[in-house]
């Protein structure tokens, strides 16, 4: 069984993403109480007038917060 941290590390080191990766990011956002959405490999954080971030950069940012 893969942990959330391992899944984030895998995502941060890849150049592509899947629908499951998007759901992982949305789950992590829900758990840390960060309002937003992830679709098409792009993470949108509320308020939506902020600059979106790609899913890989977001995963790296979350991992830095875990360490």
PDB file of N, CA and C in Angstrom:
ATOM      1  N   UNK A   1       0.843  -1.180   0.000  1.00  0.00           N
ATOM      2  CA  UNK A   1       0.000   0.000   0.000  1.00  0.00           C
ATOM      3  C   UNK A   1       0.893   1.250   0.000  1.00  0.00           C
ATOM      4  N   UNK A   2       0.568   2.185  -0.843  1.00  0.00           N
ATOM      5  CA  UNK A   2       1.347   3.409  -0.992  1.00  0.00           C
ATOM      6  C   UNK A   2       0.795   4.472  -0.039  1.00  0.00           C
ATOM      7  N   UNK A   3       1.699   5.153   0.665  1.00  0.00           N
ATOM      8  CA  UNK A   3       1.273   6.228   1.551  1.00  0.00           C
ATOM      9  C   UNK A   3       1.039   7.501   0.741  1.00  0.00           C
ATOM     10  N   UNK A   4       0.384   8.450   1.348  1.00  0.00           N
ATOM     11  CA  UNK A   4       0.129   9.726   0.673  1.00  0.00           C
ATOM     12  C   UNK A   4       1.446  10.420   0.372  1.00  0.00           C
ATOM     13  N   UNK A   5       2.377  10.365   1.303  1.00  0.00           N
ATOM     14  CA  UNK A   5       3.679  11.011   1.092  1.00  0.00           C
ATOM     15  C   UNK A   5       4.404  10.381  -0.096  1.00  0.00           C
ATOM     16  N   UNK A   6       4.378   9.065  -0.207  1.00  0.00           N
ATOM     17  CA  UNK A   6       5.030   8.387  -1.329  1.00  0.00           C
ATOM     18  C   UNK A   6       4.356   8.750  -2.648  1.00  0.00           C
ATOM     19  N   UNK A   7       3.025   8.840  -2.637  1.00  0.00           N
ATOM     20  CA  UNK A   7       2.304   9.215  -3.852  1.00  0.00           C
ATOM     21  C   UNK A   7       2.641  10.645  -4.262  1.00  0.00           C
ATOM     22  N   UNK A   8       2.751  11.553  -3.291  1.00  0.00           N
ATOM     23  CA  UNK A   8       3.133  12.939  -3.598  1.00  0.00           C
ATOM     24  C   UNK A   8       4.555  13.011  -4.136  1.00  0.00           C
ATOM     25  N   UNK A   9       5.470  12.227  -3.555  1.00  0.00           N
ATOM     26  CA  UNK A   9       6.855  12.205  -4.052  1.00  0.00           C
ATOM     27  C   UNK A   9       6.911  11.707  -5.488  1.00  0.00           C
ATOM     28  N   UNK A  10       6.132  10.663  -5.782  1.00  0.00           N
ATOM     29  CA  UNK A  10       6.074  10.133  -7.142  1.00  0.00           C
ATOM     30  C   UNK A  10       5.543  11.192  -8.104  1.00  0.00           C
ATOM     31  N   UNK A  11       4.466  11.856  -7.716  1.00  0.00           N
ATOM     32  CA  UNK A  11       3.874  12.898  -8.554  1.00  0.00           C
ATOM     33  C   UNK A  11       4.833  14.062  -8.765  1.00  0.00           C
ATOM     34  N   UNK A  12       5.536  14.455  -7.720  1.00  0.00           N
ATOM     35  CA  UNK A  12       6.469  15.586  -7.816  1.00  0.00           C
ATOM     36  C   UNK A  12       7.626  15.290  -8.769  1.00  0.00           C
ATOM     37  N   UNK A  13       7.959  14.007  -8.948  1.00  0.00           N
ATOM     38  CA  UNK A  13       9.100  13.633  -9.791  1.00  0.00           C
ATOM     39  C   UNK A  13       8.718  13.237 -11.211  1.00  0.00           C
ATOM     40  N   UNK A  14       7.419  13.239 -11.525  1.00  0.00           N
ATOM     41  CA  UNK A  14       6.959  12.900 -12.876  1.00  0.00           C
ATOM     42  C   UNK A  14       6.644  14.155 -13.669  1.00  0.00           C
ATOM     43  N   UNK A  15       6.497  13.981 -14.977  1.00  0.00           N
ATOM     44  CA  UNK A  15       6.134  15.092 -15.862  1.00  0.00           C
ATOM     45  C   UNK A  15       4.682  15.008 -16.318  1.00  0.00           C
ATOM     46  N   UNK A  16       4.001  13.912 -15.989  1.00  0.00           N
ATOM     47  CA  UNK A  16       2.613  13.727 -16.388  1.00  0.00           C
ATOM     48  C   UNK A  16       1.761  13.491 -15.148  1.00  0.00           C
ATOM     49  N   UNK A  17       0.459  13.646 -15.310  1.00  0.00           N
ATOM     50  CA  UNK A  17      -0.441  13.370 -14.194  1.00  0.00           C
ATOM     51  C   UNK A  17      -1.678  12.654 -14.705  1.00  0.00           C
ATOM     52  N   UNK A  18      -2.368  11.992 -13.785  1.00  0.00           N
ATOM     53  CA  UNK A  18      -3.566  11.242 -14.118  1.00  0.00           C
ATOM     54  C   UNK A  18      -4.748  11.790 -13.327  1.00  0.00           C
ATOM     55  N   UNK A  19      -5.917  11.265 -13.630  1.00  0.00           N
ATOM     56  CA  UNK A  19      -7.123  11.625 -12.895  1.00  0.00           C
ATOM     57  C   UNK A  19      -6.962  11.254 -11.419  1.00  0.00           C
ATOM     58  N   UNK A  20      -6.331  10.113 -11.141  1.00  0.00           N
ATOM     59  CA  UNK A  20      -6.102   9.698  -9.754  1.00  0.00           C
ATOM     60  C   UNK A  20      -5.190  10.679  -9.025  1.00  0.00           C
ATOM     61  N   UNK A  21      -4.207  11.243  -9.721  1.00  0.00           N
ATOM     62  CA  UNK A  21      -3.337  12.256  -9.123  1.00  0.00           C
ATOM     63  C   UNK A  21      -4.136  13.496  -8.739  1.00  0.00           C
ATOM     64  N   UNK A  22      -5.066  13.880  -9.602  1.00  0.00           N
ATOM     65  CA  UNK A  22      -5.906  15.045  -9.315  1.00  0.00           C
ATOM     66  C   UNK A  22      -6.763  14.794  -8.076  1.00  0.00           C
ATOM     67  N   UNK A  23      -7.310  13.594  -7.968  1.00  0.00           N
ATOM     68  CA  UNK A  23      -8.124  13.247  -6.794  1.00  0.00           C
ATOM     69  C   UNK A  23      -7.258  13.208  -5.534  1.00  0.00           C
ATOM     70  N   UNK A  24      -6.006  12.757  -5.645  1.00  0.00           N
ATOM     71  CA  UNK A  24      -5.081  12.766  -4.515  1.00  0.00           C
ATOM     72  C   UNK A  24      -4.851  14.193  -4.028  1.00  0.00           C
ATOM     73  N   UNK A  25      -4.603  15.100  -4.955  1.00  0.00           N
ATOM     74  CA  UNK A  25      -4.363  16.498  -4.594  1.00  0.00           C
ATOM     75  C   UNK A  25      -5.613  17.098  -3.955  1.00  0.00           C
ATOM     76  N   UNK A  26      -6.782  16.814  -4.503  1.00  0.00           N
ATOM     77  CA  UNK A  26      -8.014  17.334  -3.902  1.00  0.00           C
ATOM     78  C   UNK A  26      -8.221  16.768  -2.499  1.00  0.00           C
ATOM     79  N   UNK A  27      -7.853  15.505  -2.278  1.00  0.00           N
ATOM     80  CA  UNK A  27      -7.956  14.902  -0.951  1.00  0.00           C
ATOM     81  C   UNK A  27      -7.002  15.600   0.020  1.00  0.00           C
ATOM     82  N   UNK A  28      -5.778  15.831  -0.406  1.00  0.00           N
ATOM     83  CA  UNK A  28      -4.798  16.521   0.445  1.00  0.00           C
ATOM     84  C   UNK A  28      -5.279  17.934   0.767  1.00  0.00           C
ATOM     85  N   UNK A  29      -5.815  18.634  -0.236  1.00  0.00           N
ATOM     86  CA  UNK A  29      -6.336  19.982   0.000  1.00  0.00           C
ATOM     87  C   UNK A  29      -7.476  19.954   1.015  1.00  0.00           C
ATOM     88  N   UNK A  30      -8.344  18.952   0.915  1.00  0.00           N
ATOM     89  CA  UNK A  30      -9.453  18.803   1.860  1.00  0.00           C
ATOM     90  C   UNK A  30      -8.920  18.572   3.279  1.00  0.00           C
ATOM     91  N   UNK A  31      -7.917  17.708   3.397  1.00  0.00           N
ATOM     92  CA  UNK A  31      -7.375  17.369   4.713  1.00  0.00           C
ATOM     93  C   UNK A  31      -6.668  18.553   5.375  1.00  0.00           C
ATOM     94  N   UNK A  32      -6.026  19.415   4.592  1.00  0.00           N
ATOM     95  CA  UNK A  32      -5.338  20.576   5.178  1.00  0.00           C
ATOM     96  C   UNK A  32      -6.222  21.819   5.157  1.00  0.00           C
ATOM     97  N   UNK A  33      -7.501  21.611   4.806  1.00  0.00           N
ATOM     98  CA  UNK A  33      -8.504  22.680   4.805  1.00  0.00           C
ATOM     99  C   UNK A  33      -8.124  23.849   3.889  1.00  0.00           C
ATOM    100  N   UNK A  34      -7.701  23.496   2.684  1.00  0.00           N
ATOM    101  CA  UNK A  34      -7.359  24.472   1.662  1.00  0.00           C
ATOM    102  C   UNK A  34      -8.416  24.389   0.570  1.00  0.00           C
ATOM    103  N   UNK A  35      -9.208  25.445   0.431  1.00  0.00           N
ATOM    104  CA  UNK A  35     -10.301  25.445  -0.543  1.00  0.00           C
ATOM    105  C   UNK A  35      -9.755  25.621  -1.951  1.00  0.00           C
ATOM    106  N   UNK A  36     -10.221  24.796  -2.863  1.00  0.00           N
ATOM    107  CA  UNK A  36      -9.806  24.899  -4.252  1.00  0.00           C
ATOM    108  C   UNK A  36     -10.174  23.648  -5.018  1.00  0.00           C
ATOM    109  N   UNK A  37      -9.691  23.576  -6.263  1.00  0.00           N
ATOM    110  CA  UNK A  37      -9.969  22.448  -7.154  1.00  0.00           C
ATOM    111  C   UNK A  37      -8.711  22.109  -7.930  1.00  0.00           C
ATOM    112  N   UNK A  38      -8.681  20.881  -8.421  1.00  0.00           N
ATOM    113  CA  UNK A  38      -7.601  20.441  -9.291  1.00  0.00           C
ATOM    114  C   UNK A  38      -8.230  19.797 -10.517  1.00  0.00           C
ATOM    115  N   UNK A  39      -7.914  20.316 -11.666  1.00  0.00           N
ATOM    116  CA  UNK A  39      -8.442  19.764 -12.912  1.00  0.00           C
ATOM    117  C   UNK A  39      -7.439  19.989 -14.038  1.00  0.00           C
ATOM    118  N   UNK A  40      -7.299  19.007 -14.882  1.00  0.00           N
ATOM    119  CA  UNK A  40      -6.395  19.119 -16.023  1.00  0.00           C
ATOM    120  C   UNK A  40      -4.946  19.317 -15.627  1.00  0.00           C
ATOM    121  N   UNK A  41      -4.563  18.842 -14.448  1.00  0.00           N
ATOM    122  CA  UNK A  41      -3.185  18.988 -13.991  1.00  0.00           C
ATOM    123  C   UNK A  41      -2.863  20.364 -13.438  1.00  0.00           C
ATOM    124  N   UNK A  42      -3.875  21.187 -13.238  1.00  0.00           N
ATOM    125  CA  UNK A  42      -3.697  22.538 -12.707  1.00  0.00           C
ATOM    126  C   UNK A  42      -4.464  22.652 -11.395  1.00  0.00           C
ATOM    127  N   UNK A  43      -3.833  23.253 -10.387  1.00  0.00           N
ATOM    128  CA  UNK A  43      -4.457  23.435  -9.084  1.00  0.00           C
ATOM    129  C   UNK A  43      -4.916  24.887  -8.973  1.00  0.00           C
ATOM    130  N   UNK A  44      -6.196  25.052  -8.701  1.00  0.00           N
ATOM    131  CA  UNK A  44      -6.799  26.371  -8.519  1.00  0.00           C
ATOM    132  C   UNK A  44      -7.155  26.516  -7.045  1.00  0.00           C
ATOM    133  N   UNK A  45      -6.612  27.517  -6.393  1.00  0.00           N
ATOM    134  CA  UNK A  45      -6.847  27.758  -4.977  1.00  0.00           C
ATOM    135  C   UNK A  45      -7.750  28.977  -4.841  1.00  0.00           C
ATOM    136  N   UNK A  46      -8.765  28.859  -3.975  1.00  0.00           N
ATOM    137  CA  UNK A  46      -9.672  29.990  -3.746  1.00  0.00           C
ATOM    138  C   UNK A  46      -8.942  31.099  -3.020  1.00  0.00           C
ATOM    139  N   UNK A  47      -9.233  32.349  -3.271  1.00  0.00           N
ATOM    140  CA  UNK A  47     -10.153  32.823  -4.294  1.00  0.00           C
ATOM    141  C   UNK A  47      -9.551  32.578  -5.681  1.00  0.00           C
ATOM    142  N   UNK A  48     -10.410  32.321  -6.636  1.00  0.00           N
ATOM    143  CA  UNK A  48      -9.957  31.887  -7.948  1.00  0.00           C
ATOM    144  C   UNK A  48      -9.318  32.992  -8.784  1.00  0.00           C
ATOM    145  N   UNK A  49      -9.182  34.189  -8.236  1.00  0.00           N
ATOM    146  CA  UNK A  49      -8.486  35.246  -8.975  1.00  0.00           C
ATOM    147  C   UNK A  49      -6.973  35.149  -8.769  1.00  0.00           C
ATOM    148  N   UNK A  50      -6.510  34.173  -7.981  1.00  0.00           N
ATOM    149  CA  UNK A  50      -5.074  33.944  -7.800  1.00  0.00           C
ATOM    150  C   UNK A  50      -4.530  33.126  -8.966  1.00  0.00           C
ATOM    151  N   UNK A  51      -3.226  33.228  -9.164  1.00  0.00           N
ATOM    152  CA  UNK A  51      -2.548  32.487 -10.222  1.00  0.00           C
ATOM    153  C   UNK A  51      -2.606  30.984  -9.938  1.00  0.00           C
ATOM    154  N   UNK A  52      -3.083  30.159 -10.890  1.00  0.00           N
ATOM    155  CA  UNK A  52      -3.093  28.708 -10.677  1.00  0.00           C
ATOM    156  C   UNK A  52      -1.674  28.151 -10.693  1.00  0.00           C
ATOM    157  N   UNK A  53      -1.515  26.948 -10.165  1.00  0.00           N
ATOM    158  CA  UNK A  53      -0.206  26.306 -10.077  1.00  0.00           C
ATOM    159  C   UNK A  53      -0.314  24.901 -10.656  1.00  0.00           C
ATOM    160  N   UNK A  54       0.751  24.420 -11.283  1.00  0.00           N
ATOM    161  CA  UNK A  54       0.666  23.077 -11.849  1.00  0.00           C
ATOM    162  C   UNK A  54       0.752  22.035 -10.730  1.00  0.00           C
ATOM    163  N   UNK A  55       0.209  20.868 -11.001  1.00  0.00           N
ATOM    164  CA  UNK A  55       0.038  19.832  -9.998  1.00  0.00           C
ATOM    165  C   UNK A  55       1.377  19.347  -9.428  1.00  0.00           C
ATOM    166  N   UNK A  56       2.430  19.336 -10.251  1.00  0.00           N
ATOM    167  CA  UNK A  56       3.737  18.849  -9.804  1.00  0.00           C
ATOM    168  C   UNK A  56       4.387  19.834  -8.834  1.00  0.00           C
ATOM    169  N   UNK A  57       4.289  21.104  -9.127  1.00  0.00           N
ATOM    170  CA  UNK A  57       4.818  22.132  -8.233  1.00  0.00           C
ATOM    171  C   UNK A  57       4.047  22.135  -6.919  1.00  0.00           C
ATOM    172  N   UNK A  58       2.743  21.961  -6.989  1.00  0.00           N
ATOM    173  CA  UNK A  58       1.931  21.910  -5.781  1.00  0.00           C
ATOM    174  C   UNK A  58       2.343  20.726  -4.913  1.00  0.00           C
ATOM    175  N   UNK A  59       2.574  19.566  -5.528  1.00  0.00           N
ATOM    176  CA  UNK A  59       3.006  18.381  -4.777  1.00  0.00           C
ATOM    177  C   UNK A  59       4.354  18.641  -4.096  1.00  0.00           C
ATOM    178  N   UNK A  60       5.295  19.284  -4.804  1.00  0.00           N
ATOM    179  CA  UNK A  60       6.594  19.612  -4.200  1.00  0.00           C
ATOM    180  C   UNK A  60       6.426  20.582  -3.030  1.00  0.00           C
ATOM    181  N   UNK A  61       5.516  21.542  -3.163  1.00  0.00           N
ATOM    182  CA  UNK A  61       5.265  22.503  -2.102  1.00  0.00           C
ATOM    183  C   UNK A  61       4.713  21.811  -0.860  1.00  0.00           C
ATOM    184  N   UNK A  62       3.769  20.911  -1.044  1.00  0.00           N
ATOM    185  CA  UNK A  62       3.211  20.160   0.074  1.00  0.00           C
ATOM    186  C   UNK A  62       4.286  19.315   0.748  1.00  0.00           C
ATOM    187  N   UNK A  63       5.128  18.683  -0.048  1.00  0.00           N
ATOM    188  CA  UNK A  63       6.199  17.856   0.524  1.00  0.00           C
ATOM    189  C   UNK A  63       7.181  18.671   1.353  1.00  0.00           C
ATOM    190  N   UNK A  64       7.495  19.885   0.899  1.00  0.00           N
ATOM    191  CA  UNK A  64       8.381  20.745   1.685  1.00  0.00           C
ATOM    192  C   UNK A  64       7.754  21.070   3.035  1.00  0.00           C
ATOM    193  N   UNK A  65       6.452  21.218   3.077  1.00  0.00           N
ATOM    194  CA  UNK A  65       5.757  21.498   4.325  1.00  0.00           C
ATOM    195  C   UNK A  65       5.751  20.306   5.267  1.00  0.00           C
ATOM    196  N   UNK A  66       5.853  19.103   4.738  1.00  0.00           N
ATOM    197  CA  UNK A  66       5.869  17.889   5.552  1.00  0.00           C
ATOM    198  C   UNK A  66       7.225  17.644   6.204  1.00  0.00           C
ATOM    199  N   UNK A  67       8.265  18.159   5.605  1.00  0.00           N
ATOM    200  CA  UNK A  67       9.623  17.901   6.124  1.00  0.00           C
ATOM    201  C   UNK A  67      10.041  18.890   7.163  1.00  0.00           C
TER     202      UNK A  67
END
